[in-house]
PDB file of N, CA and C in Angstrom:
ATOM      1  N   MET A   1     221.709   3.527-259.571  1.00  0.00           N
ATOM      2  CA  MET A   1     221.021   2.440-260.210  1.00  0.00           C
ATOM      3  C   MET A   1     221.110   1.188-259.343  1.00  0.00           C
ATOM      4  N   LEU A   2     222.246   0.992-258.727  1.00  0.00           N
ATOM      5  CA  LEU A   2     222.416  -0.174-257.872  1.00  0.00           C
ATOM      6  C   LEU A   2     221.443  -0.137-256.701  1.00  0.00           C
ATOM      7  N   VAL A   3     221.332   1.010-256.081  1.00  0.00           N
ATOM      8  CA  VAL A   3     220.449   1.138-254.920  1.00  0.00           C
ATOM      9  C   VAL A   3     218.992   0.970-255.346  1.00  0.00           C
ATOM     10  N   ALA A   4     218.618   1.589-256.458  1.00  0.00           N
ATOM     11  CA  ALA A   4     217.232   1.492-256.920  1.00  0.00           C
ATOM     12  C   ALA A   4     216.854   0.061-257.267  1.00  0.00           C
ATOM     13  N   SER A   5     217.726  -0.645-257.968  1.00  0.00           N
ATOM     14  CA  SER A   5     217.406  -2.025-258.317  1.00  0.00           C
ATOM     15  C   SER A   5     217.397  -2.927-257.092  1.00  0.00           C
ATOM     16  N   THR A   6     218.280  -2.690-256.137  1.00  0.00           N
ATOM     17  CA  THR A   6     218.295  -3.494-254.914  1.00  0.00           C
ATOM     18  C   THR A   6     217.028  -3.269-254.094  1.00  0.00           C
ATOM     19  N   VAL A   7     216.598  -2.025-253.974  1.00  0.00           N
ATOM     20  CA  VAL A   7     215.380  -1.729-253.214  1.00  0.00           C
ATOM     21  C   VAL A   7     214.170  -2.372-253.885  1.00  0.00           C
ATOM     22  N   MET A   8     214.102  -2.292-255.214  1.00  0.00           N
ATOM     23  CA  MET A   8     212.968  -2.884-255.916  1.00  0.00           C
ATOM     24  C   MET A   8     212.955  -4.403-255.785  1.00  0.00           C
ATOM     25  N   ILE A   9     214.122  -5.020-255.828  1.00  0.00           N
ATOM     26  CA  ILE A   9     214.190  -6.478-255.690  1.00  0.00           C
ATOM     27  C   ILE A   9     213.786  -6.888-254.281  1.00  0.00           C
ATOM     28  N   LEU A  10     214.296  -6.178-253.263  1.00  0.00           N
ATOM     29  CA  LEU A  10     213.983  -6.533-251.879  1.00  0.00           C
ATOM     30  C   LEU A  10     212.544  -6.197-251.502  1.00  0.00           C
ATOM     31  N   ALA A  11     211.898  -5.298-252.216  1.00  0.00           N
ATOM     32  CA  ALA A  11     210.518  -4.940-251.912  1.00  0.00           C
ATOM     33  C   ALA A  11     209.537  -6.022-252.356  1.00  0.00           C
ATOM     34  N   ASP A  12     209.959  -6.907-253.230  1.00  0.00           N
ATOM     35  CA  ASP A  12     209.083  -7.979-253.698  1.00  0.00           C
ATOM     36  C   ASP A  12     208.954  -9.037-252.605  1.00  0.00           C
ATOM     37  N   PRO A  13     207.729  -9.330-252.168  1.00  0.00           N
ATOM     38  CA  PRO A  13     207.568 -10.293-251.074  1.00  0.00           C
ATOM     39  C   PRO A  13     207.706 -11.752-251.518  1.00  0.00           C
ATOM     40  N   GLY A  14     207.755 -11.993-252.818  1.00  0.00           N
ATOM     41  CA  GLY A  14     207.793 -13.370-253.310  1.00  0.00           C
ATOM     42  C   GLY A  14     209.141 -14.035-253.107  1.00  0.00           C
ATOM     43  N   ALA A  15     209.109 -15.351-253.242  1.00  0.00           N
ATOM     44  CA  ALA A  15     210.330 -16.134-253.062  1.00  0.00           C
ATOM     45  C   ALA A  15     211.254 -16.023-254.266  1.00  0.00           C
ATOM     46  N   THR A  16     210.749 -15.538-255.390  1.00  0.00           N
ATOM     47  CA  THR A  16     211.571 -15.445-256.592  1.00  0.00           C
ATOM     48  C   THR A  16     212.319 -14.123-256.702  1.00  0.00           C
ATOM     49  N   ALA A  17     212.284 -13.300-255.671  1.00  0.00           N
ATOM     50  CA  ALA A  17     212.968 -12.005-255.711  1.00  0.00           C
ATOM     51  C   ALA A  17     214.482 -12.178-255.833  1.00  0.00           C
ATOM     52  N   ALA A  18     214.996 -13.270-255.349  1.00  0.00           N
ATOM     53  CA  ALA A  18     216.445 -13.490-255.420  1.00  0.00           C
ATOM     54  C   ALA A  18     216.918 -13.640-256.860  1.00  0.00           C
ATOM     55  N   PHE A  19     216.045 -14.039-257.771  1.00  0.00           N
ATOM     56  CA  PHE A  19     216.436 -14.136-259.173  1.00  0.00           C
ATOM     57  C   PHE A  19     216.809 -12.769-259.742  1.00  0.00           C
ATOM     58  N   GLY A  20     216.262 -11.717-259.148  1.00  0.00           N
ATOM     59  CA  GLY A  20     216.609 -10.371-259.593  1.00  0.00           C
ATOM     60  C   GLY A  20     218.077 -10.066-259.409  1.00  0.00           C
ATOM     61  N   PHE A  21     218.691 -10.601-258.367  1.00  0.00           N
ATOM     62  CA  PHE A  21     220.115 -10.377-258.141  1.00  0.00           C
ATOM     63  C   PHE A  21     220.967 -11.097-259.180  1.00  0.00           C
ATOM     64  N   ILE A  22     220.391 -12.074-259.854  1.00  0.00           N
ATOM     65  CA  ILE A  22     221.105 -12.777-260.915  1.00  0.00           C
ATOM     66  C   ILE A  22     220.868 -12.095-262.259  1.00  0.00           C
ATOM     67  N   PHE A  23     219.611 -11.749-262.547  1.00  0.00           N
ATOM     68  CA  PHE A  23     219.274 -11.270-263.876  1.00  0.00           C
ATOM     69  C   PHE A  23     219.558  -9.787-264.094  1.00  0.00           C
ATOM     70  N   VAL A  24     219.500  -8.963-263.067  1.00  0.00           N
ATOM     71  CA  VAL A  24     219.787  -7.535-263.246  1.00  0.00           C
ATOM     72  C   VAL A  24     221.229  -7.312-263.717  1.00  0.00           C
ATOM     73  N   PRO A  25     222.239  -7.943-263.118  1.00  0.00           N
ATOM     74  CA  PRO A  25     223.599  -7.753-263.646  1.00  0.00           C
ATOM     75  C   PRO A  25     223.783  -8.342-265.040  1.00  0.00           C
ATOM     76  N   LEU A  26     223.095  -9.428-265.358  1.00  0.00           N
ATOM     77  CA  LEU A  26     223.218  -9.998-266.696  1.00  0.00           C
ATOM     78  C   LEU A  26     222.640  -9.059-267.744  1.00  0.00           C
ATOM     79  N   ILE A  27     221.526  -8.434-267.436  1.00  0.00           N
ATOM     80  CA  ILE A  27     220.921  -7.493-268.375  1.00  0.00           C
ATOM     81  C   ILE A  27     221.819  -6.265-268.525  1.00  0.00           C
ATOM     82  N   ALA A  28     222.392  -5.810-267.431  1.00  0.00           N
ATOM     83  CA  ALA A  28     223.299  -4.659-267.502  1.00  0.00           C
ATOM     84  C   ALA A  28     224.535  -4.988-268.347  1.00  0.00           C
ATOM     85  N   ALA A  29     225.073  -6.187-268.190  1.00  0.00           N
ATOM     86  CA  ALA A  29     226.232  -6.583-268.995  1.00  0.00           C
ATOM     87  C   ALA A  29     225.860  -6.724-270.462  1.00  0.00           C
ATOM     88  N   ALA A  30     224.673  -7.248-270.737  1.00  0.00           N
ATOM     89  CA  ALA A  30     224.233  -7.387-272.127  1.00  0.00           C
ATOM     90  C   ALA A  30     224.045  -6.023-272.791  1.00  0.00           C
ATOM     91  N   ALA A  31     223.667  -5.028-272.031  1.00  0.00           N
ATOM     92  CA  ALA A  31     223.524  -3.682-272.588  1.00  0.00           C
ATOM     93  C   ALA A  31     224.871  -2.968-272.685  1.00  0.00           C
ATOM     94  N   ALA A  32     225.822  -3.331-271.855  1.00  0.00           N
ATOM     95  CA  ALA A  32     227.116  -2.652-271.846  1.00  0.00           C
ATOM     96  C   ALA A  32     227.985  -3.036-273.038  1.00  0.00           C
ATOM     97  N   VAL A  33     227.865  -4.258-273.520  1.00  0.00           N
ATOM     98  CA  VAL A  33     228.728  -4.704-274.625  1.00  0.00           C
ATOM     99  C   VAL A  33     228.451  -3.911-275.904  1.00  0.00           C
ATOM    100  N   PRO A  34     227.201  -3.797-276.371  1.00  0.00           N
ATOM    101  CA  PRO A  34     226.991  -2.978-277.577  1.00  0.00           C
ATOM    102  C   PRO A  34     227.344  -1.509-277.365  1.00  0.00           C
ATOM    103  N   ALA A  35     227.123  -0.999-276.176  1.00  0.00           N
ATOM    104  CA  ALA A  35     227.477   0.393-275.894  1.00  0.00           C
ATOM    105  C   ALA A  35     228.991   0.588-275.969  1.00  0.00           C
ATOM    106  N   ALA A  36     229.751  -0.378-275.505  1.00  0.00           N
ATOM    107  CA  ALA A  36     231.209  -0.287-275.570  1.00  0.00           C
ATOM    108  C   ALA A  36     231.709  -0.359-277.009  1.00  0.00           C
ATOM    109  N   VAL A  37     231.125  -1.231-277.805  1.00  0.00           N
ATOM    110  CA  VAL A  37     231.518  -1.331-279.215  1.00  0.00           C
ATOM    111  C   VAL A  37     231.186  -0.038-279.944  1.00  0.00           C
ATOM    112  N   TRP A  38     229.998   0.524-279.667  1.00  0.00           N
ATOM    113  CA  TRP A  38     229.620   1.779-280.305  1.00  0.00           C
ATOM    114  C   TRP A  38     230.560   2.911-279.889  1.00  0.00           C
ATOM    115  N   GLY A  39     230.912   2.975-278.626  1.00  0.00           N
ATOM    116  CA  GLY A  39     231.819   4.015-278.150  1.00  0.00           C
ATOM    117  C   GLY A  39     233.208   3.897-278.749  1.00  0.00           C
ATOM    118  N   ALA A  40     233.702   2.682-278.881  1.00  0.00           N
ATOM    119  CA  ALA A  40     235.016   2.489-279.491  1.00  0.00           C
ATOM    120  C   ALA A  40     234.995   2.875-280.967  1.00  0.00           C
ATOM    121  N   ALA A  41     233.920   2.526-281.657  1.00  0.00           N
ATOM    122  CA  ALA A  41     233.818   2.877-283.072  1.00  0.00           C
ATOM    123  C   ALA A  41     233.697   4.391-283.251  1.00  0.00           C
ATOM    124  N   ALA A  42     232.878   5.030-282.421  1.00  0.00           N
ATOM    125  CA  ALA A  42     232.733   6.484-282.520  1.00  0.00           C
ATOM    126  C   ALA A  42     234.051   7.187-282.196  1.00  0.00           C
ATOM    127  N   GLY A  43     234.762   6.712-281.198  1.00  0.00           N
ATOM    128  CA  GLY A  43     236.063   7.288-280.867  1.00  0.00           C
ATOM    129  C   GLY A  43     237.069   7.120-281.984  1.00  0.00           C
ATOM    130  N   HIS A  44     237.038   5.975-282.643  1.00  0.00           N
ATOM    131  CA  HIS A  44     237.956   5.740-283.753  1.00  0.00           C
ATOM    132  C   HIS A  44     237.646   6.666-284.927  1.00  0.00           C
ATOM    133  N   VAL A  45     236.368   6.865-285.206  1.00  0.00           N
ATOM    134  CA  VAL A  45     235.987   7.772-286.295  1.00  0.00           C
ATOM    135  C   VAL A  45     236.453   9.191-285.987  1.00  0.00           C
ATOM    136  N   VAL A  46     236.270   9.633-284.754  1.00  0.00           N
ATOM    137  CA  VAL A  46     236.705  10.982-284.373  1.00  0.00           C
ATOM    138  C   VAL A  46     238.225  11.102-284.502  1.00  0.00           C
ATOM    139  N   LEU A  47     238.955  10.109-284.036  1.00  0.00           N
ATOM    140  CA  LEU A  47     240.417  10.162-284.158  1.00  0.00           C
ATOM    141  C   LEU A  47     240.855  10.165-285.615  1.00  0.00           C
ATOM    142  N   HIS A  48     240.163   9.395-286.455  1.00  0.00           N
ATOM    143  CA  HIS A  48     240.515   9.371-287.879  1.00  0.00           C
ATOM    144  C   HIS A  48     240.239  10.719-288.520  1.00  0.00           C
ATOM    145  N   LEU A  49     239.124  11.330-288.189  1.00  0.00           N
ATOM    146  CA  LEU A  49     238.800  12.630-288.778  1.00  0.00           C
ATOM    147  C   LEU A  49     239.748  13.723-288.292  1.00  0.00           C
ATOM    148  N   GLN A  50     240.344  13.550-287.128  1.00  0.00           N
ATOM    149  CA  GLN A  50     241.348  14.492-286.631  1.00  0.00           C
ATOM    150  C   GLN A  50     242.733  14.209-287.210  1.00  0.00           C
ATOM    151  N   GLY A  51     242.870  13.065-287.895  1.00  0.00           N
ATOM    152  CA  GLY A  51     244.150  12.708-288.501  1.00  0.00           C
ATOM    153  C   GLY A  51     245.103  12.019-287.560  1.00  0.00           C
ATOM    154  N   ARG A  52     244.618  11.523-286.450  1.00  0.00           N
ATOM    155  CA  ARG A  52     245.492  10.890-285.448  1.00  0.00           C
ATOM    156  C   ARG A  52     245.393   9.378-285.429  1.00  0.00           C
ATOM    157  N   ALA A  53     244.647   8.769-286.366  1.00  0.00           N
ATOM    158  CA  ALA A  53     244.512   7.310-286.391  1.00  0.00           C
ATOM    159  C   ALA A  53     244.811   6.800-287.799  1.00  0.00           C
ATOM    160  N   PRO A  54     246.080   6.518-288.092  1.00  0.00           N
ATOM    161  CA  PRO A  54     246.411   5.990-289.421  1.00  0.00           C
ATOM    162  C   PRO A  54     246.072   4.500-289.503  1.00  0.00           C
ATOM    163  N   GLU A  55     245.229   4.155-290.426  1.00  0.00           N
ATOM    164  CA  GLU A  55     244.822   2.758-290.606  1.00  0.00           C
ATOM    165  C   GLU A  55     244.298   2.602-292.024  1.00  0.00           C
ATOM    166  N   PRO A  56     244.063   1.378-292.461  1.00  0.00           N
ATOM    167  CA  PRO A  56     243.472   1.186-293.792  1.00  0.00           C
ATOM    168  C   PRO A  56     242.060   1.781-293.854  1.00  0.00           C
ATOM    169  N   LYS A  57     241.644   2.146-295.038  1.00  0.00           N
ATOM    170  CA  LYS A  57     240.329   2.764-295.218  1.00  0.00           C
ATOM    171  C   LYS A  57     239.205   1.814-294.810  1.00  0.00           C
ATOM    172  N   LEU A  58     239.405   0.515-294.961  1.00  0.00           N
ATOM    173  CA  LEU A  58     238.369  -0.454-294.590  1.00  0.00           C
ATOM    174  C   LEU A  58     238.047  -0.387-293.100  1.00  0.00           C
ATOM    175  N   VAL A  59     239.054  -0.169-292.274  1.00  0.00           N
ATOM    176  CA  VAL A  59     238.833  -0.064-290.831  1.00  0.00           C
ATOM    177  C   VAL A  59     238.014   1.188-290.516  1.00  0.00           C
ATOM    178  N   PHE A  60     238.337   2.298-291.181  1.00  0.00           N
ATOM    179  CA  PHE A  60     237.582   3.528-290.962  1.00  0.00           C
ATOM    180  C   PHE A  60     236.131   3.357-291.390  1.00  0.00           C
ATOM    181  N   TRP A  61     235.900   2.784-292.551  1.00  0.00           N
ATOM    182  CA  TRP A  61     234.521   2.660-293.043  1.00  0.00           C
ATOM    183  C   TRP A  61     233.706   1.697-292.191  1.00  0.00           C
ATOM    184  N   SER A  62     234.315   0.617-291.714  1.00  0.00           N
ATOM    185  CA  SER A  62     233.567  -0.297-290.841  1.00  0.00           C
ATOM    186  C   SER A  62     233.287   0.359-289.482  1.00  0.00           C
ATOM    187  N   ALA A  63     234.221   1.160-288.977  1.00  0.00           N
ATOM    188  CA  ALA A  63     233.970   1.893-287.728  1.00  0.00           C
ATOM    189  C   ALA A  63     232.891   2.949-287.932  1.00  0.00           C
ATOM    190  N   LEU A  64     232.876   3.585-289.091  1.00  0.00           N
ATOM    191  CA  LEU A  64     231.844   4.581-289.392  1.00  0.00           C
ATOM    192  C   LEU A  64     230.466   3.930-289.454  1.00  0.00           C
ATOM    193  N   VAL A  65     230.372   2.768-290.080  1.00  0.00           N
ATOM    194  CA  VAL A  65     229.091   2.046-290.129  1.00  0.00           C
ATOM    195  C   VAL A  65     228.648   1.657-288.723  1.00  0.00           C
ATOM    196  N   ALA A  66     229.575   1.159-287.907  1.00  0.00           N
ATOM    197  CA  ALA A  66     229.222   0.775-286.538  1.00  0.00           C
ATOM    198  C   ALA A  66     228.821   1.993-285.703  1.00  0.00           C
ATOM    199  N   ALA A  67     229.481   3.132-285.919  1.00  0.00           N
ATOM    200  CA  ALA A  67     229.160   4.331-285.145  1.00  0.00           C
ATOM    201  C   ALA A  67     227.816   4.920-285.552  1.00  0.00           C
ATOM    202  N   LEU A  68     227.445   4.781-286.819  1.00  0.00           N
ATOM    203  CA  LEU A  68     226.172   5.322-287.286  1.00  0.00           C
ATOM    204  C   LEU A  68     225.004   4.357-287.110  1.00  0.00           C
ATOM    205  N   SER A  69     225.296   3.115-286.787  1.00  0.00           N
ATOM    206  CA  SER A  69     224.218   2.123-286.686  1.00  0.00           C
ATOM    207  C   SER A  69     223.312   2.373-285.478  1.00  0.00           C
ATOM    208  N   LEU A  70     223.862   2.710-284.332  1.00  0.00           N
ATOM    209  CA  LEU A  70     223.032   2.927-283.148  1.00  0.00           C
ATOM    210  C   LEU A  70     222.093   4.118-283.310  1.00  0.00           C
ATOM    211  N   PRO A  71     222.570   5.295-283.723  1.00  0.00           N
ATOM    212  CA  PRO A  71     221.606   6.384-283.942  1.00  0.00           C
ATOM    213  C   PRO A  71     220.619   6.073-285.062  1.00  0.00           C
ATOM    214  N   GLY A  72     221.053   5.343-286.074  1.00  0.00           N
ATOM    215  CA  GLY A  72     220.155   4.978-287.166  1.00  0.00           C
ATOM    216  C   GLY A  72     219.036   4.062-286.713  1.00  0.00           C
ATOM    217  N   VAL A  73     219.382   3.050-285.935  1.00  0.00           N
ATOM    218  CA  VAL A  73     218.364   2.120-285.439  1.00  0.00           C
ATOM    219  C   VAL A  73     217.426   2.819-284.463  1.00  0.00           C
ATOM    220  N   LEU A  74     217.971   3.631-283.570  1.00  0.00           N
ATOM    221  CA  LEU A  74     217.115   4.365-282.633  1.00  0.00           C
ATOM    222  C   LEU A  74     216.181   5.326-283.362  1.00  0.00           C
ATOM    223  N   GLY A  75     216.693   6.025-284.361  1.00  0.00           N
ATOM    224  CA  GLY A  75     215.856   6.928-285.135  1.00  0.00           C
ATOM    225  C   GLY A  75     214.757   6.198-285.885  1.00  0.00           C
ATOM    226  N   TYR A  76     215.100   5.067-286.475  1.00  0.00           N
ATOM    227  CA  TYR A  76     214.103   4.279-287.200  1.00  0.00           C
ATOM    228  C   TYR A  76     213.016   3.764-286.267  1.00  0.00           C
ATOM    229  N   GLU A  77     213.413   3.241-285.117  1.00  0.00           N
ATOM    230  CA  GLU A  77     212.438   2.709-284.172  1.00  0.00           C
ATOM    231  C   GLU A  77     211.526   3.809-283.632  1.00  0.00           C
ATOM    232  N   LEU A  78     212.098   4.952-283.303  1.00  0.00           N
ATOM    233  CA  LEU A  78     211.264   6.064-282.815  1.00  0.00           C
ATOM    234  C   LEU A  78     210.346   6.583-283.913  1.00  0.00           C
ATOM    235  N   TRP A  79     210.864   6.670-285.133  1.00  0.00           N
ATOM    236  CA  TRP A  79     210.040   7.159-286.229  1.00  0.00           C
ATOM    237  C   TRP A  79     208.897   6.189-286.529  1.00  0.00           C
ATOM    238  N   SER A  80     209.172   4.893-286.546  1.00  0.00           N
ATOM    239  CA  SER A  80     208.118   3.936-286.859  1.00  0.00           C
ATOM    240  C   SER A  80     207.103   3.826-285.731  1.00  0.00           C
ATOM    241  N   ARG A  81     207.498   4.111-284.514  1.00  0.00           N
ATOM    242  CA  ARG A  81     206.578   4.017-283.389  1.00  0.00           C
ATOM    243  C   ARG A  81     205.710   5.251-283.253  1.00  0.00           C
ATOM    244  N   PHE A  82     206.272   6.434-283.478  1.00  0.00           N
ATOM    245  CA  PHE A  82     205.553   7.676-283.223  1.00  0.00           C
ATOM    246  C   PHE A  82     205.102   8.414-284.466  1.00  0.00           C
ATOM    247  N   ALA A  83     205.417   7.909-285.649  1.00  0.00           N
ATOM    248  CA  ALA A  83     204.981   8.580-286.877  1.00  0.00           C
ATOM    249  C   ALA A  83     203.482   8.343-287.078  1.00  0.00           C
ATOM    250  N   PRO A  84     202.807   9.320-287.670  1.00  0.00           N
ATOM    251  CA  PRO A  84     201.348   9.162-287.859  1.00  0.00           C
ATOM    252  C   PRO A  84     200.973   8.110-288.856  1.00  0.00           C
TER     253      PRO A  84
END
């Protein structure tokens, strides 16, 4: 991904191509934060279901909601876009 984005940025003959070196990492970081939260929540749910994560029920239910939110939103968006 690094090589592909660098080649695409350098292929632009305009003077604003340097902004790509600023905005590409910012966009990647903005996408990484929700992915990290989703991964931590999904991991916590799996550990709880295996019986290896003792915690209050509120923590489990909030992690379950966070883990199910990403597939739910993706499913809703795909369904609303491609449904007849």
